[in-house]
Amino acid sequence: MSIYQVSCPGRVLFLEAEIAELNAVSDGGLQVEPALWCELEKGHAGPHCTLAVGARATDDLPARTLWARWPEGDEYGPGRDIAALPSCPATFLEGSVSSECCALPKGHEGRHGFEFGPPISESDMMPDWVLKMLEGE
């Protein structure tokens, strides 16, 4: 958990027809949300980017991740695109609590997804007493 926003505040908005089309591609995997936030680090260069939907393998295509990309200020418009992008190959550094992949597309701007997500080492983990306080116990 972070008390600071480290991801980009840019968002994309899908029309009902786009949501239906993306949900059909997912074949019951992930359901598309009407508004999604950019998953890149705040202040990144280039287009915004977020996971739109995961598509299962078919007879013709392998399983793939479809990403929505859009330029600043074009969350509704024709500058948006949906593309199957390969995953970033980076994983947690040696000595991490658990192995986790970046979960962003290959060649993304800014830090890797795990660098502003779950703890990287034991010293990064939140003490139990803080978790209990946050949960209201």
N, C-alpha and C. Protein backbone atom coordinates (compact mmCIF):
# COMPACT_ATOMS: atom_id res chain seq x y z
N MET A 1 0.85 -1.17 0.00
CA MET A 1 0.00 0.00 0.00
C MET A 1 0.90 1.23 0.00
N SER A 2 0.51 2.22 -0.72
CA SER A 2 1.27 3.46 -0.77
C SER A 2 0.38 4.62 -0.34
N ILE A 3 0.96 5.54 0.41
CA ILE A 3 0.19 6.73 0.79
C ILE A 3 0.39 7.83 -0.22
N TYR A 4 1.25 7.60 -1.21
CA TYR A 4 1.50 8.56 -2.27
C TYR A 4 1.05 7.97 -3.60
N GLN A 5 0.50 8.81 -4.47
CA GLN A 5 0.15 8.34 -5.80
C GLN A 5 1.42 8.33 -6.64
N VAL A 6 1.76 7.15 -7.13
CA VAL A 6 2.97 7.04 -7.94
C VAL A 6 2.64 6.72 -9.39
N SER A 7 1.41 6.29 -9.65
CA SER A 7 1.03 6.02 -11.03
C SER A 7 0.44 7.29 -11.65
N CYS A 8 0.38 7.29 -12.94
CA CYS A 8 -0.09 8.43 -13.71
C CYS A 8 -1.60 8.67 -13.49
N PRO A 9 -2.04 9.91 -13.39
CA PRO A 9 -3.47 10.18 -13.21
C PRO A 9 -4.28 10.17 -14.52
N GLY A 10 -3.62 9.92 -15.67
CA GLY A 10 -4.35 9.88 -16.95
C GLY A 10 -5.32 8.71 -16.99
N ARG A 11 -6.47 8.91 -17.65
CA ARG A 11 -7.42 7.80 -17.76
C ARG A 11 -8.02 7.75 -19.15
N VAL A 12 -8.51 6.56 -19.47
CA VAL A 12 -9.18 6.34 -20.75
C VAL A 12 -10.62 5.94 -20.45
N LEU A 13 -11.53 6.36 -21.30
CA LEU A 13 -12.94 6.05 -21.14
C LEU A 13 -13.42 5.29 -22.37
N PHE A 14 -14.03 4.12 -22.14
CA PHE A 14 -14.53 3.31 -23.25
C PHE A 14 -16.02 3.52 -23.44
N LEU A 15 -16.46 3.53 -24.68
CA LEU A 15 -17.88 3.59 -25.01
C LEU A 15 -18.48 2.20 -24.83
N GLU A 16 -19.80 2.12 -24.70
CA GLU A 16 -20.47 0.83 -24.48
C GLU A 16 -20.15 -0.18 -25.58
N ALA A 17 -20.11 0.27 -26.82
CA ALA A 17 -19.80 -0.63 -27.93
C ALA A 17 -18.37 -1.17 -27.82
N GLU A 18 -17.44 -0.32 -27.39
CA GLU A 18 -16.05 -0.76 -27.21
C GLU A 18 -15.94 -1.78 -26.08
N ILE A 19 -16.67 -1.54 -25.00
CA ILE A 19 -16.67 -2.47 -23.87
C ILE A 19 -17.19 -3.83 -24.31
N ALA A 20 -18.29 -3.84 -25.05
CA ALA A 20 -18.86 -5.10 -25.54
C ALA A 20 -17.86 -5.84 -26.44
N GLU A 21 -17.19 -5.10 -27.32
CA GLU A 21 -16.22 -5.70 -28.22
C GLU A 21 -15.03 -6.29 -27.45
N LEU A 22 -14.51 -5.55 -26.48
CA LEU A 22 -13.39 -6.04 -25.68
C LEU A 22 -13.79 -7.21 -24.79
N ASN A 23 -14.98 -7.17 -24.22
CA ASN A 23 -15.45 -8.30 -23.41
C ASN A 23 -15.61 -9.56 -24.25
N ALA A 24 -16.01 -9.41 -25.52
CA ALA A 24 -16.13 -10.56 -26.41
C ALA A 24 -14.76 -11.19 -26.68
N VAL A 25 -13.74 -10.34 -26.79
CA VAL A 25 -12.38 -10.83 -27.02
C VAL A 25 -11.87 -11.61 -25.81
N SER A 26 -12.25 -11.17 -24.61
CA SER A 26 -11.73 -11.79 -23.39
C SER A 26 -12.31 -13.17 -23.15
N ASP A 27 -13.45 -13.48 -23.75
CA ASP A 27 -14.08 -14.79 -23.60
C ASP A 27 -14.29 -15.15 -22.13
N GLY A 28 -14.73 -14.18 -21.35
CA GLY A 28 -15.05 -14.43 -19.95
C GLY A 28 -13.86 -14.31 -19.00
N GLY A 29 -12.71 -13.91 -19.50
CA GLY A 29 -11.54 -13.72 -18.63
C GLY A 29 -11.74 -12.48 -17.78
N LEU A 30 -11.06 -11.42 -18.10
CA LEU A 30 -11.24 -10.14 -17.40
C LEU A 30 -12.40 -9.38 -18.01
N GLN A 31 -13.19 -8.73 -17.18
CA GLN A 31 -14.26 -7.86 -17.66
C GLN A 31 -13.71 -6.45 -17.78
N VAL A 32 -14.01 -5.79 -18.87
CA VAL A 32 -13.50 -4.45 -19.12
C VAL A 32 -14.26 -3.43 -18.28
N GLU A 33 -13.53 -2.54 -17.68
CA GLU A 33 -14.11 -1.44 -16.92
C GLU A 33 -14.32 -0.25 -17.85
N PRO A 34 -15.35 0.58 -17.64
CA PRO A 34 -15.60 1.72 -18.53
C PRO A 34 -14.53 2.81 -18.44
N ALA A 35 -13.86 2.93 -17.32
CA ALA A 35 -12.80 3.92 -17.15
C ALA A 35 -11.60 3.22 -16.52
N LEU A 36 -10.44 3.40 -17.14
CA LEU A 36 -9.21 2.79 -16.62
C LEU A 36 -8.13 3.85 -16.49
N TRP A 37 -7.31 3.73 -15.46
CA TRP A 37 -6.23 4.67 -15.21
C TRP A 37 -4.94 4.18 -15.85
N CYS A 38 -4.12 5.11 -16.28
CA CYS A 38 -2.81 4.80 -16.84
C CYS A 38 -1.98 4.07 -15.77
N GLU A 39 -1.31 3.02 -16.17
CA GLU A 39 -0.52 2.21 -15.23
C GLU A 39 0.95 2.60 -15.19
N LEU A 40 1.33 3.59 -15.95
CA LEU A 40 2.73 4.01 -15.98
C LEU A 40 3.02 4.96 -14.82
N GLU A 41 4.31 5.19 -14.59
CA GLU A 41 4.72 6.08 -13.52
C GLU A 41 4.29 7.52 -13.82
N LYS A 42 3.87 8.22 -12.79
CA LYS A 42 3.46 9.62 -12.92
C LYS A 42 4.58 10.43 -13.57
N GLY A 43 4.23 11.28 -14.54
CA GLY A 43 5.19 12.13 -15.21
C GLY A 43 5.89 11.47 -16.39
N HIS A 44 5.40 10.33 -16.84
CA HIS A 44 6.04 9.61 -17.95
C HIS A 44 5.94 10.39 -19.25
N ALA A 45 6.84 10.09 -20.18
CA ALA A 45 6.79 10.66 -21.53
C ALA A 45 5.96 9.74 -22.41
N GLY A 46 5.50 10.24 -23.53
CA GLY A 46 4.78 9.40 -24.49
C GLY A 46 3.35 9.12 -24.10
N PRO A 47 2.72 8.19 -24.82
CA PRO A 47 1.30 7.93 -24.58
C PRO A 47 1.04 7.24 -23.25
N HIS A 48 -0.19 7.42 -22.75
CA HIS A 48 -0.65 6.70 -21.57
C HIS A 48 -0.88 5.25 -21.98
N CYS A 49 -0.91 4.35 -20.98
CA CYS A 49 -1.05 2.93 -21.28
C CYS A 49 -1.69 2.22 -20.10
N THR A 50 -2.65 1.34 -20.39
CA THR A 50 -3.26 0.53 -19.34
C THR A 50 -3.72 -0.80 -19.92
N LEU A 51 -3.74 -1.82 -19.08
CA LEU A 51 -4.25 -3.12 -19.48
C LEU A 51 -5.74 -3.00 -19.77
N ALA A 52 -6.15 -3.33 -20.98
CA ALA A 52 -7.56 -3.26 -21.33
C ALA A 52 -8.24 -4.59 -21.04
N VAL A 53 -7.62 -5.68 -21.51
CA VAL A 53 -8.22 -7.00 -21.31
C VAL A 53 -7.19 -8.08 -21.63
N GLY A 54 -7.33 -9.21 -20.96
CA GLY A 54 -6.53 -10.38 -21.28
C GLY A 54 -7.36 -11.28 -22.18
N ALA A 55 -6.77 -11.73 -23.26
CA ALA A 55 -7.50 -12.58 -24.22
C ALA A 55 -6.95 -14.00 -24.16
N ARG A 56 -7.85 -14.96 -24.04
CA ARG A 56 -7.45 -16.36 -24.01
C ARG A 56 -6.98 -16.81 -25.38
N ALA A 57 -6.22 -17.88 -25.38
CA ALA A 57 -5.74 -18.45 -26.64
C ALA A 57 -6.91 -19.01 -27.44
N THR A 58 -6.79 -18.91 -28.75
CA THR A 58 -7.77 -19.50 -29.67
C THR A 58 -7.01 -20.44 -30.61
N ASP A 59 -7.74 -21.05 -31.52
CA ASP A 59 -7.07 -21.91 -32.51
C ASP A 59 -6.11 -21.11 -33.37
N ASP A 60 -6.40 -19.84 -33.56
CA ASP A 60 -5.60 -19.00 -34.45
C ASP A 60 -4.59 -18.10 -33.74
N LEU A 61 -4.84 -17.77 -32.45
CA LEU A 61 -4.00 -16.80 -31.74
C LEU A 61 -3.60 -17.33 -30.36
N PRO A 62 -2.39 -17.01 -29.90
CA PRO A 62 -1.99 -17.38 -28.54
C PRO A 62 -2.68 -16.46 -27.52
N ALA A 63 -2.61 -16.83 -26.24
CA ALA A 63 -3.10 -15.94 -25.19
C ALA A 63 -2.32 -14.64 -25.30
N ARG A 64 -2.99 -13.52 -25.05
CA ARG A 64 -2.32 -12.23 -25.22
C ARG A 64 -2.95 -11.19 -24.29
N THR A 65 -2.19 -10.15 -24.07
CA THR A 65 -2.64 -9.03 -23.25
C THR A 65 -2.89 -7.85 -24.18
N LEU A 66 -4.09 -7.30 -24.13
CA LEU A 66 -4.43 -6.15 -24.97
C LEU A 66 -4.35 -4.89 -24.11
N TRP A 67 -3.57 -3.94 -24.60
CA TRP A 67 -3.34 -2.69 -23.89
C TRP A 67 -4.00 -1.53 -24.61
N ALA A 68 -4.59 -0.63 -23.85
CA ALA A 68 -5.13 0.62 -24.41
C ALA A 68 -4.04 1.67 -24.28
N ARG A 69 -3.82 2.41 -25.37
CA ARG A 69 -2.85 3.51 -25.37
C ARG A 69 -3.54 4.76 -25.91
N TRP A 70 -3.20 5.91 -25.34
CA TRP A 70 -3.82 7.15 -25.79
C TRP A 70 -2.91 8.33 -25.47
N PRO A 71 -2.93 9.35 -26.33
CA PRO A 71 -2.15 10.56 -26.05
C PRO A 71 -2.84 11.41 -24.99
N GLU A 72 -2.08 12.28 -24.36
CA GLU A 72 -2.61 13.19 -23.35
C GLU A 72 -3.80 13.95 -23.92
N GLY A 73 -4.91 14.00 -23.17
CA GLY A 73 -6.09 14.76 -23.57
C GLY A 73 -6.96 14.07 -24.60
N ASP A 74 -6.69 12.82 -24.93
CA ASP A 74 -7.49 12.11 -25.94
C ASP A 74 -8.08 10.82 -25.38
N GLU A 75 -8.59 10.90 -24.15
CA GLU A 75 -9.14 9.70 -23.52
C GLU A 75 -10.40 9.18 -24.21
N TYR A 76 -11.08 10.02 -25.01
CA TYR A 76 -12.27 9.60 -25.73
C TYR A 76 -12.00 9.40 -27.22
N GLY A 77 -10.99 10.04 -27.75
CA GLY A 77 -10.90 10.27 -29.18
C GLY A 77 -10.17 9.27 -30.04
N PRO A 78 -9.97 9.68 -31.28
CA PRO A 78 -9.41 8.80 -32.29
C PRO A 78 -7.92 8.50 -32.11
N GLY A 79 -7.26 9.18 -31.19
CA GLY A 79 -5.85 8.91 -30.94
C GLY A 79 -5.62 7.65 -30.12
N ARG A 80 -6.70 7.05 -29.62
CA ARG A 80 -6.59 5.83 -28.81
C ARG A 80 -6.38 4.62 -29.71
N ASP A 81 -5.69 3.62 -29.17
CA ASP A 81 -5.63 2.35 -29.87
C ASP A 81 -5.55 1.22 -28.85
N ILE A 82 -5.92 0.03 -29.30
CA ILE A 82 -5.84 -1.19 -28.51
C ILE A 82 -4.86 -2.09 -29.25
N ALA A 83 -3.84 -2.58 -28.54
CA ALA A 83 -2.82 -3.39 -29.19
C ALA A 83 -2.39 -4.53 -28.28
N ALA A 84 -2.10 -5.67 -28.87
CA ALA A 84 -1.50 -6.79 -28.14
C ALA A 84 -0.01 -6.48 -28.03
N LEU A 85 0.46 -6.25 -26.82
CA LEU A 85 1.87 -5.90 -26.60
C LEU A 85 2.54 -6.97 -25.77
N PRO A 86 3.83 -7.27 -26.05
CA PRO A 86 4.55 -8.24 -25.23
C PRO A 86 4.80 -7.67 -23.84
N SER A 87 4.95 -8.56 -22.87
CA SER A 87 5.18 -8.15 -21.49
C SER A 87 6.62 -7.75 -21.24
N CYS A 88 6.81 -6.84 -20.31
CA CYS A 88 8.15 -6.45 -19.88
C CYS A 88 8.79 -7.67 -19.20
N PRO A 89 10.02 -8.02 -19.58
CA PRO A 89 10.66 -9.21 -19.02
C PRO A 89 11.25 -9.03 -17.62
N ALA A 90 11.25 -7.81 -17.09
CA ALA A 90 11.86 -7.55 -15.78
C ALA A 90 11.09 -8.23 -14.66
N THR A 91 11.82 -8.72 -13.65
CA THR A 91 11.23 -9.32 -12.45
C THR A 91 11.89 -8.70 -11.23
N PHE A 92 11.34 -9.03 -10.05
CA PHE A 92 11.93 -8.55 -8.80
C PHE A 92 13.42 -8.81 -8.77
N LEU A 93 14.16 -7.99 -8.08
CA LEU A 93 15.60 -8.18 -7.91
C LEU A 93 15.88 -9.36 -7.00
N GLU A 94 17.10 -9.89 -7.07
CA GLU A 94 17.50 -11.01 -6.22
C GLU A 94 17.30 -10.63 -4.75
N GLY A 95 16.84 -11.58 -3.95
CA GLY A 95 16.61 -11.34 -2.53
C GLY A 95 15.22 -10.80 -2.23
N SER A 96 14.33 -10.83 -3.19
CA SER A 96 12.98 -10.29 -2.98
C SER A 96 12.14 -11.25 -2.15
N VAL A 97 11.05 -10.73 -1.60
CA VAL A 97 10.13 -11.54 -0.81
C VAL A 97 9.50 -12.61 -1.69
N SER A 98 9.06 -12.23 -2.87
CA SER A 98 8.49 -13.19 -3.81
C SER A 98 8.80 -12.71 -5.21
N SER A 99 8.81 -13.65 -6.13
CA SER A 99 9.12 -13.30 -7.51
C SER A 99 7.86 -12.76 -8.17
N GLU A 100 7.99 -11.65 -8.83
CA GLU A 100 6.85 -11.06 -9.53
C GLU A 100 7.36 -10.35 -10.77
N CYS A 101 6.58 -10.44 -11.84
CA CYS A 101 6.98 -9.77 -13.07
C CYS A 101 6.55 -8.31 -13.03
N CYS A 102 7.02 -7.53 -13.96
CA CYS A 102 6.73 -6.11 -14.02
C CYS A 102 5.24 -5.83 -14.24
N ALA A 103 4.58 -6.60 -15.09
CA ALA A 103 3.16 -6.45 -15.41
C ALA A 103 2.84 -5.21 -16.24
N LEU A 104 3.84 -4.65 -16.90
CA LEU A 104 3.64 -3.56 -17.85
C LEU A 104 4.14 -4.05 -19.20
N PRO A 105 3.82 -3.35 -20.28
CA PRO A 105 4.30 -3.80 -21.59
C PRO A 105 5.80 -3.56 -21.78
N LYS A 106 6.41 -4.38 -22.59
CA LYS A 106 7.84 -4.27 -22.88
C LYS A 106 8.16 -2.87 -23.43
N GLY A 107 9.25 -2.28 -22.95
CA GLY A 107 9.67 -0.96 -23.42
C GLY A 107 8.91 0.20 -22.78
N HIS A 108 8.18 -0.05 -21.69
CA HIS A 108 7.38 1.01 -21.04
C HIS A 108 8.27 2.11 -20.50
N GLU A 109 7.67 3.29 -20.31
CA GLU A 109 8.34 4.44 -19.69
C GLU A 109 8.32 4.28 -18.18
N GLY A 110 9.32 4.83 -17.51
CA GLY A 110 9.32 4.89 -16.05
C GLY A 110 9.69 3.59 -15.37
N ARG A 111 9.44 3.56 -14.05
CA ARG A 111 9.78 2.40 -13.24
C ARG A 111 8.92 1.19 -13.61
N HIS A 112 9.43 0.02 -13.22
CA HIS A 112 8.67 -1.22 -13.42
C HIS A 112 7.51 -1.27 -12.44
N GLY A 113 6.46 -1.99 -12.80
CA GLY A 113 5.27 -2.08 -11.97
C GLY A 113 5.55 -2.52 -10.54
N PHE A 114 6.47 -3.47 -10.34
CA PHE A 114 6.75 -3.95 -9.00
C PHE A 114 7.54 -2.94 -8.17
N GLU A 115 8.09 -1.92 -8.78
CA GLU A 115 8.85 -0.94 -8.03
C GLU A 115 7.97 0.06 -7.28
N PHE A 116 6.68 0.10 -7.60
CA PHE A 116 5.78 0.91 -6.79
C PHE A 116 4.54 0.11 -6.45
N GLY A 117 4.77 -1.15 -6.13
CA GLY A 117 3.69 -2.06 -5.76
C GLY A 117 4.01 -2.79 -4.48
N PRO A 118 3.98 -4.13 -4.51
CA PRO A 118 4.19 -4.92 -3.30
C PRO A 118 5.62 -4.76 -2.77
N PRO A 119 5.86 -5.20 -1.53
CA PRO A 119 7.19 -5.06 -0.94
C PRO A 119 8.25 -5.82 -1.73
N ILE A 120 9.45 -5.25 -1.78
CA ILE A 120 10.56 -5.87 -2.49
C ILE A 120 11.42 -6.70 -1.54
N SER A 121 11.59 -6.29 -0.31
CA SER A 121 12.38 -7.05 0.67
C SER A 121 11.65 -7.02 2.01
N GLU A 122 12.11 -7.85 2.94
CA GLU A 122 11.48 -7.92 4.26
C GLU A 122 11.42 -6.54 4.93
N SER A 123 12.45 -5.71 4.74
CA SER A 123 12.48 -4.39 5.38
C SER A 123 11.44 -3.43 4.80
N ASP A 124 10.91 -3.75 3.60
CA ASP A 124 9.89 -2.91 2.97
C ASP A 124 8.48 -3.26 3.43
N MET A 125 8.33 -4.37 4.13
CA MET A 125 6.99 -4.81 4.53
C MET A 125 6.46 -3.95 5.68
N MET A 126 5.16 -3.68 5.63
CA MET A 126 4.52 -2.87 6.66
C MET A 126 4.37 -3.70 7.93
N PRO A 127 4.71 -3.15 9.10
CA PRO A 127 4.57 -3.89 10.36
C PRO A 127 3.11 -4.27 10.62
N ASP A 128 2.89 -5.40 11.30
CA ASP A 128 1.54 -5.88 11.59
C ASP A 128 0.70 -4.85 12.34
N TRP A 129 1.33 -4.13 13.29
CA TRP A 129 0.56 -3.18 14.08
C TRP A 129 0.00 -2.06 13.21
N VAL A 130 0.72 -1.68 12.14
CA VAL A 130 0.22 -0.64 11.24
C VAL A 130 -0.96 -1.20 10.42
N LEU A 131 -0.82 -2.43 9.94
CA LEU A 131 -1.92 -3.04 9.18
C LEU A 131 -3.18 -3.14 10.02
N LYS A 132 -3.05 -3.55 11.30
CA LYS A 132 -4.20 -3.65 12.18
C LYS A 132 -4.85 -2.28 12.40
N MET A 133 -4.02 -1.25 12.54
CA MET A 133 -4.53 0.10 12.73
C MET A 133 -5.32 0.53 11.50
N LEU A 134 -4.80 0.25 10.30
CA LEU A 134 -5.47 0.64 9.07
C LEU A 134 -6.77 -0.12 8.86
N GLU A 135 -6.81 -1.37 9.34
CA GLU A 135 -8.01 -2.19 9.20
C GLU A 135 -9.04 -1.89 10.28
N GLY A 136 -8.68 -1.03 11.25
CA GLY A 136 -9.63 -0.63 12.30
C GLY A 136 -9.75 -1.61 13.44
N GLU A 137 -8.76 -2.46 13.61
CA GLU A 137 -8.82 -3.43 14.71
C GLU A 137 -8.33 -2.83 16.00
